[in-house]
């Protein structure tokens, strides 16, 4: 894709390699740059490395090492990282029970059009 504007970079955080791969391919086809992390600890390291380069975090909740809840708590504690919009991707109903704070919540499996609309709206903030 040829464009004069810089590509927005999205950080995909999910322990399922197939989901990371599928989302990466979809987002790259739509003109986004992509970074991936298999858990919250990897995601924090990526975000802390260059917080201004990430336009949006797509965050799974249930992961080993550091889950999405722990990641989100750490992200919100750091004012530099807290400014990055975060969209939670989770199995139906999990967020209602947990009460996680996010810019948007998408239930898995999600509708691709709704996913892209959510990403586009969230990325406008950066």
N, C-alpha and C. Protein backbone atom coordinates (compact mmCIF):
# COMPACT_ATOMS: atom_id res chain seq x y z
N UNK A 1 0.84 -1.18 0.00
CA UNK A 1 0.00 0.00 0.00
C UNK A 1 0.89 1.24 0.00
N UNK A 2 0.71 2.11 -0.96
CA UNK A 2 1.48 3.32 -1.05
C UNK A 2 0.67 4.47 -0.49
N UNK A 3 1.26 5.18 0.44
CA UNK A 3 0.57 6.31 1.06
C UNK A 3 1.59 7.33 1.51
N UNK A 4 1.18 8.59 1.54
CA UNK A 4 2.10 9.64 1.97
C UNK A 4 2.07 9.84 3.48
N UNK A 5 1.03 9.35 4.14
CA UNK A 5 0.95 9.51 5.59
C UNK A 5 1.62 8.31 6.27
N UNK A 6 2.19 8.55 7.45
CA UNK A 6 2.82 7.43 8.17
C UNK A 6 1.76 6.41 8.61
N UNK A 7 2.16 5.16 8.58
CA UNK A 7 1.24 4.09 8.99
C UNK A 7 1.14 4.05 10.50
N UNK A 8 -0.07 3.94 11.01
CA UNK A 8 -0.28 3.79 12.44
C UNK A 8 0.15 2.37 12.83
N UNK A 9 0.79 2.27 13.99
CA UNK A 9 1.30 0.97 14.46
C UNK A 9 0.40 0.45 15.57
N UNK A 10 -0.03 -0.78 15.44
CA UNK A 10 -0.92 -1.42 16.40
C UNK A 10 -0.18 -2.57 17.06
N UNK A 11 -0.29 -2.63 18.39
CA UNK A 11 0.31 -3.71 19.17
C UNK A 11 -0.77 -4.74 19.47
N UNK A 12 -0.60 -5.95 18.94
CA UNK A 12 -1.51 -7.06 19.18
C UNK A 12 -0.95 -7.89 20.32
N UNK A 13 -1.75 -8.06 21.38
CA UNK A 13 -1.31 -8.81 22.56
C UNK A 13 -2.26 -9.99 22.75
N UNK A 14 -1.80 -11.18 22.41
CA UNK A 14 -2.62 -12.39 22.52
C UNK A 14 -1.69 -13.59 22.58
N UNK A 15 -2.01 -14.55 23.43
CA UNK A 15 -1.16 -15.73 23.55
C UNK A 15 -1.38 -16.74 22.44
N UNK A 16 -2.42 -16.57 21.67
CA UNK A 16 -2.73 -17.48 20.57
C UNK A 16 -2.02 -17.00 19.30
N UNK A 17 -1.02 -17.76 18.86
CA UNK A 17 -0.22 -17.38 17.69
C UNK A 17 -1.07 -17.24 16.43
N UNK A 18 -2.09 -18.07 16.29
CA UNK A 18 -2.95 -18.00 15.10
C UNK A 18 -3.73 -16.69 15.07
N UNK A 19 -4.20 -16.26 16.23
CA UNK A 19 -4.92 -14.98 16.30
C UNK A 19 -3.97 -13.83 15.98
N UNK A 20 -2.77 -13.86 16.55
CA UNK A 20 -1.80 -12.80 16.25
C UNK A 20 -1.50 -12.74 14.76
N UNK A 21 -1.28 -13.90 14.16
CA UNK A 21 -0.95 -13.97 12.74
C UNK A 21 -2.12 -13.46 11.88
N UNK A 22 -3.34 -13.91 12.18
CA UNK A 22 -4.51 -13.50 11.40
C UNK A 22 -4.76 -12.00 11.52
N UNK A 23 -4.71 -11.49 12.74
CA UNK A 23 -4.90 -10.05 12.93
C UNK A 23 -3.80 -9.24 12.26
N UNK A 24 -2.56 -9.72 12.36
CA UNK A 24 -1.44 -9.03 11.71
C UNK A 24 -1.66 -8.91 10.21
N UNK A 25 -2.04 -10.02 9.58
CA UNK A 25 -2.26 -10.02 8.14
C UNK A 25 -3.39 -9.07 7.76
N UNK A 26 -4.49 -9.12 8.50
CA UNK A 26 -5.63 -8.25 8.24
C UNK A 26 -5.25 -6.78 8.37
N UNK A 27 -4.59 -6.44 9.46
CA UNK A 27 -4.24 -5.04 9.70
C UNK A 27 -3.20 -4.53 8.71
N UNK A 28 -2.24 -5.37 8.35
CA UNK A 28 -1.26 -4.95 7.35
C UNK A 28 -1.92 -4.73 5.99
N UNK A 29 -2.88 -5.56 5.65
CA UNK A 29 -3.63 -5.37 4.39
C UNK A 29 -4.39 -4.04 4.42
N UNK A 30 -4.80 -3.61 5.59
CA UNK A 30 -5.54 -2.36 5.75
C UNK A 30 -4.62 -1.15 5.89
N UNK A 31 -3.31 -1.37 5.83
CA UNK A 31 -2.36 -0.27 5.84
C UNK A 31 -1.75 0.06 7.18
N UNK A 32 -1.97 -0.75 8.19
CA UNK A 32 -1.39 -0.53 9.51
C UNK A 32 -0.06 -1.25 9.63
N UNK A 33 0.83 -0.72 10.43
CA UNK A 33 2.03 -1.43 10.85
C UNK A 33 1.65 -2.21 12.11
N UNK A 34 2.31 -3.33 12.35
CA UNK A 34 1.91 -4.21 13.44
C UNK A 34 3.12 -4.65 14.26
N UNK A 35 2.92 -4.69 15.58
CA UNK A 35 3.85 -5.32 16.51
C UNK A 35 3.03 -6.35 17.27
N UNK A 36 3.68 -7.42 17.73
CA UNK A 36 2.96 -8.48 18.44
C UNK A 36 3.65 -8.84 19.74
N UNK A 37 2.84 -9.26 20.71
CA UNK A 37 3.33 -9.76 21.99
C UNK A 37 2.45 -10.92 22.40
N UNK A 38 3.07 -11.94 23.03
CA UNK A 38 2.35 -13.15 23.43
C UNK A 38 1.78 -13.06 24.84
N UNK A 39 2.14 -12.00 25.57
CA UNK A 39 1.62 -11.82 26.93
C UNK A 39 1.82 -10.37 27.35
N UNK A 40 1.26 -10.02 28.49
CA UNK A 40 1.32 -8.65 28.97
C UNK A 40 2.73 -8.15 29.25
N UNK A 41 3.60 -9.02 29.73
CA UNK A 41 4.97 -8.61 30.02
C UNK A 41 5.70 -8.19 28.75
N UNK A 42 5.56 -9.00 27.69
CA UNK A 42 6.16 -8.63 26.40
C UNK A 42 5.55 -7.33 25.87
N UNK A 43 4.25 -7.17 26.05
CA UNK A 43 3.58 -5.97 25.57
C UNK A 43 4.07 -4.72 26.30
N UNK A 44 4.25 -4.82 27.62
CA UNK A 44 4.78 -3.67 28.37
C UNK A 44 6.17 -3.30 27.89
N UNK A 45 7.01 -4.29 27.64
CA UNK A 45 8.36 -4.03 27.16
C UNK A 45 8.31 -3.31 25.82
N UNK A 46 7.45 -3.76 24.92
CA UNK A 46 7.31 -3.13 23.61
C UNK A 46 6.79 -1.70 23.75
N UNK A 47 5.80 -1.52 24.57
CA UNK A 47 5.20 -0.20 24.76
C UNK A 47 6.18 0.76 25.43
N UNK A 48 6.91 0.28 26.40
CA UNK A 48 7.88 1.13 27.10
C UNK A 48 9.08 1.49 26.21
N UNK A 49 9.40 0.61 25.28
CA UNK A 49 10.53 0.85 24.38
C UNK A 49 10.33 2.12 23.56
N UNK A 50 9.12 2.34 23.08
CA UNK A 50 8.82 3.53 22.28
C UNK A 50 7.31 3.80 22.33
N UNK A 51 6.82 4.36 23.44
CA UNK A 51 5.37 4.52 23.62
C UNK A 51 4.69 5.35 22.53
N UNK A 52 5.38 6.32 21.99
CA UNK A 52 4.74 7.18 20.99
C UNK A 52 4.57 6.48 19.65
N UNK A 53 5.24 5.34 19.45
CA UNK A 53 5.12 4.64 18.16
C UNK A 53 3.89 3.74 18.09
N UNK A 54 3.24 3.48 19.21
CA UNK A 54 2.07 2.60 19.24
C UNK A 54 0.81 3.46 19.27
N UNK A 55 -0.03 3.31 18.26
CA UNK A 55 -1.27 4.08 18.18
C UNK A 55 -2.41 3.40 18.94
N UNK A 56 -2.31 2.07 19.13
CA UNK A 56 -3.40 1.32 19.73
C UNK A 56 -2.89 -0.03 20.22
N UNK A 57 -3.42 -0.50 21.34
CA UNK A 57 -3.15 -1.84 21.84
C UNK A 57 -4.42 -2.66 21.70
N UNK A 58 -4.33 -3.81 21.02
CA UNK A 58 -5.41 -4.79 20.97
C UNK A 58 -5.04 -5.86 21.99
N UNK A 59 -5.82 -5.98 23.05
CA UNK A 59 -5.44 -6.75 24.23
C UNK A 59 -6.38 -7.90 24.54
N UNK A 60 -5.83 -9.11 24.55
CA UNK A 60 -6.55 -10.27 25.05
C UNK A 60 -6.48 -10.23 26.58
N UNK A 61 -7.46 -10.82 27.25
CA UNK A 61 -7.43 -10.80 28.72
C UNK A 61 -6.77 -12.04 29.32
N UNK A 62 -7.08 -13.20 28.78
CA UNK A 62 -6.62 -14.44 29.39
C UNK A 62 -5.34 -14.92 28.71
N UNK A 63 -4.19 -14.68 29.39
CA UNK A 63 -2.88 -15.07 28.86
C UNK A 63 -1.99 -15.52 30.01
N UNK A 64 -0.99 -16.36 29.72
CA UNK A 64 -0.02 -16.73 30.75
C UNK A 64 0.98 -15.60 30.98
N UNK A 65 1.82 -15.75 31.96
CA UNK A 65 2.90 -14.84 32.35
C UNK A 65 2.34 -13.55 32.95
N UNK A 66 1.70 -12.72 32.15
CA UNK A 66 1.00 -11.53 32.63
C UNK A 66 -0.27 -11.41 31.80
N UNK A 67 -1.43 -11.49 32.46
CA UNK A 67 -2.69 -11.44 31.72
C UNK A 67 -3.07 -10.00 31.39
N UNK A 68 -4.16 -9.85 30.66
CA UNK A 68 -4.60 -8.53 30.23
C UNK A 68 -4.98 -7.61 31.36
N UNK A 69 -5.54 -8.17 32.44
CA UNK A 69 -5.90 -7.35 33.59
C UNK A 69 -4.65 -6.73 34.24
N UNK A 70 -3.62 -7.56 34.41
CA UNK A 70 -2.37 -7.08 35.00
C UNK A 70 -1.69 -6.07 34.08
N UNK A 71 -1.68 -6.35 32.78
CA UNK A 71 -1.10 -5.41 31.82
C UNK A 71 -1.80 -4.06 31.91
N UNK A 72 -3.13 -4.10 31.90
CA UNK A 72 -3.91 -2.86 31.91
C UNK A 72 -3.65 -2.05 33.19
N UNK A 73 -3.53 -2.74 34.32
CA UNK A 73 -3.24 -2.05 35.58
C UNK A 73 -1.88 -1.36 35.51
N UNK A 74 -0.87 -2.05 34.98
CA UNK A 74 0.47 -1.46 34.84
C UNK A 74 0.46 -0.31 33.83
N UNK A 75 -0.25 -0.49 32.74
CA UNK A 75 -0.34 0.55 31.72
C UNK A 75 -0.95 1.82 32.32
N UNK A 76 -2.00 1.68 33.08
CA UNK A 76 -2.69 2.85 33.64
C UNK A 76 -1.86 3.54 34.73
N UNK A 77 -0.96 2.80 35.39
CA UNK A 77 -0.10 3.39 36.43
C UNK A 77 0.97 4.32 35.86
N UNK A 78 1.33 4.09 34.61
CA UNK A 78 2.39 4.87 33.97
C UNK A 78 1.75 5.93 33.06
N UNK A 79 1.85 7.21 33.39
CA UNK A 79 1.20 8.25 32.59
C UNK A 79 1.62 8.25 31.12
N UNK A 80 2.84 7.86 30.83
CA UNK A 80 3.30 7.81 29.45
C UNK A 80 2.58 6.71 28.67
N UNK A 81 2.33 5.59 29.31
CA UNK A 81 1.67 4.46 28.64
C UNK A 81 0.15 4.57 28.67
N UNK A 82 -0.37 5.22 29.70
CA UNK A 82 -1.82 5.32 29.89
C UNK A 82 -2.52 6.04 28.74
N UNK A 83 -1.80 6.89 28.04
CA UNK A 83 -2.39 7.66 26.94
C UNK A 83 -2.66 6.81 25.70
N UNK A 84 -2.09 5.62 25.62
CA UNK A 84 -2.28 4.76 24.45
C UNK A 84 -3.64 4.08 24.54
N UNK A 85 -4.50 4.30 23.54
CA UNK A 85 -5.81 3.64 23.56
C UNK A 85 -5.67 2.12 23.58
N UNK A 86 -6.58 1.47 24.33
CA UNK A 86 -6.54 0.02 24.47
C UNK A 86 -7.92 -0.56 24.19
N UNK A 87 -7.97 -1.52 23.27
CA UNK A 87 -9.19 -2.23 22.94
C UNK A 87 -9.03 -3.66 23.43
N UNK A 88 -9.94 -4.09 24.27
CA UNK A 88 -9.90 -5.44 24.84
C UNK A 88 -10.64 -6.39 23.91
N UNK A 89 -10.01 -7.56 23.67
CA UNK A 89 -10.62 -8.65 22.89
C UNK A 89 -10.78 -9.82 23.85
N UNK A 90 -12.00 -10.29 24.04
CA UNK A 90 -12.19 -11.36 25.01
C UNK A 90 -13.41 -12.21 24.69
N UNK A 91 -13.48 -13.36 25.36
CA UNK A 91 -14.64 -14.24 25.22
C UNK A 91 -15.86 -13.53 25.81
N UNK A 92 -17.00 -13.81 25.23
CA UNK A 92 -18.25 -13.15 25.62
C UNK A 92 -18.49 -13.21 27.14
N UNK A 93 -18.80 -12.06 27.71
CA UNK A 93 -19.18 -11.99 29.11
C UNK A 93 -18.05 -11.80 30.09
N UNK A 94 -16.81 -12.06 29.71
CA UNK A 94 -15.71 -11.99 30.67
C UNK A 94 -15.52 -10.58 31.22
N UNK A 95 -15.69 -9.56 30.40
CA UNK A 95 -15.44 -8.19 30.86
C UNK A 95 -16.53 -7.68 31.78
N UNK A 96 -17.76 -8.13 31.57
CA UNK A 96 -18.84 -7.69 32.47
C UNK A 96 -18.57 -8.17 33.89
N UNK A 97 -18.04 -9.35 34.03
CA UNK A 97 -17.74 -9.89 35.36
C UNK A 97 -16.50 -9.22 35.96
N UNK A 98 -15.56 -8.84 35.12
CA UNK A 98 -14.29 -8.32 35.61
C UNK A 98 -14.29 -6.80 35.77
N UNK A 99 -15.09 -6.10 34.98
CA UNK A 99 -15.14 -4.66 35.06
C UNK A 99 -13.86 -3.96 34.61
N UNK A 100 -13.22 -4.44 33.57
CA UNK A 100 -11.98 -3.83 33.09
C UNK A 100 -12.28 -2.51 32.38
N UNK A 101 -11.40 -1.55 32.57
CA UNK A 101 -11.50 -0.24 31.94
C UNK A 101 -10.72 -0.29 30.62
N UNK A 102 -11.42 0.00 29.51
CA UNK A 102 -10.78 0.01 28.20
C UNK A 102 -11.51 1.00 27.31
N UNK A 103 -10.87 1.39 26.22
CA UNK A 103 -11.50 2.31 25.27
C UNK A 103 -12.64 1.64 24.52
N UNK A 104 -12.51 0.34 24.32
CA UNK A 104 -13.56 -0.45 23.67
C UNK A 104 -13.36 -1.91 24.06
N UNK A 105 -14.43 -2.67 23.96
CA UNK A 105 -14.38 -4.10 24.27
C UNK A 105 -15.03 -4.85 23.12
N UNK A 106 -14.31 -5.83 22.59
CA UNK A 106 -14.83 -6.67 21.51
C UNK A 106 -14.90 -8.11 21.99
N UNK A 107 -16.04 -8.74 21.77
CA UNK A 107 -16.21 -10.14 22.14
C UNK A 107 -15.67 -11.03 21.03
N UNK A 108 -14.94 -12.08 21.45
CA UNK A 108 -14.45 -13.08 20.49
C UNK A 108 -15.53 -14.14 20.33
N UNK A 109 -15.72 -14.67 19.15
CA UNK A 109 -15.13 -14.20 17.90
C UNK A 109 -15.78 -12.88 17.51
N UNK A 110 -15.00 -11.98 16.89
CA UNK A 110 -15.53 -10.68 16.57
C UNK A 110 -15.77 -10.52 15.08
N UNK A 111 -16.66 -9.63 14.79
CA UNK A 111 -16.99 -9.27 13.42
C UNK A 111 -15.87 -8.39 12.87
N UNK A 112 -15.34 -8.71 11.71
CA UNK A 112 -14.20 -7.99 11.15
C UNK A 112 -14.54 -6.51 10.90
N UNK A 113 -15.74 -6.24 10.40
CA UNK A 113 -16.12 -4.85 10.14
C UNK A 113 -16.19 -4.05 11.44
N UNK A 114 -16.73 -4.66 12.48
CA UNK A 114 -16.79 -3.97 13.78
C UNK A 114 -15.37 -3.77 14.32
N UNK A 115 -14.52 -4.77 14.17
CA UNK A 115 -13.13 -4.66 14.60
C UNK A 115 -12.45 -3.48 13.90
N UNK A 116 -12.56 -3.41 12.59
CA UNK A 116 -11.90 -2.35 11.84
C UNK A 116 -12.47 -0.98 12.18
N UNK A 117 -13.77 -0.89 12.37
CA UNK A 117 -14.39 0.38 12.76
C UNK A 117 -13.87 0.83 14.13
N UNK A 118 -13.77 -0.10 15.06
CA UNK A 118 -13.27 0.20 16.40
C UNK A 118 -11.82 0.65 16.34
N UNK A 119 -11.01 -0.03 15.55
CA UNK A 119 -9.60 0.33 15.40
C UNK A 119 -9.46 1.74 14.81
N UNK A 120 -10.21 1.99 13.75
CA UNK A 120 -10.12 3.31 13.10
C UNK A 120 -10.54 4.43 14.05
N UNK A 121 -11.63 4.24 14.79
CA UNK A 121 -12.07 5.26 15.74
C UNK A 121 -11.04 5.46 16.85
N UNK A 122 -10.50 4.38 17.36
CA UNK A 122 -9.52 4.47 18.45
C UNK A 122 -8.21 5.10 18.00
N UNK A 123 -7.78 4.80 16.79
CA UNK A 123 -6.52 5.34 16.27
C UNK A 123 -6.60 6.83 15.98
N UNK A 124 -7.77 7.36 15.77
CA UNK A 124 -7.93 8.80 15.53
C UNK A 124 -7.48 9.63 16.73
N UNK A 125 -7.51 9.00 17.90
CA UNK A 125 -7.13 9.70 19.13
C UNK A 125 -5.63 9.94 19.22
N UNK A 126 -4.82 9.25 18.44
CA UNK A 126 -3.36 9.35 18.54
C UNK A 126 -2.80 10.17 17.41
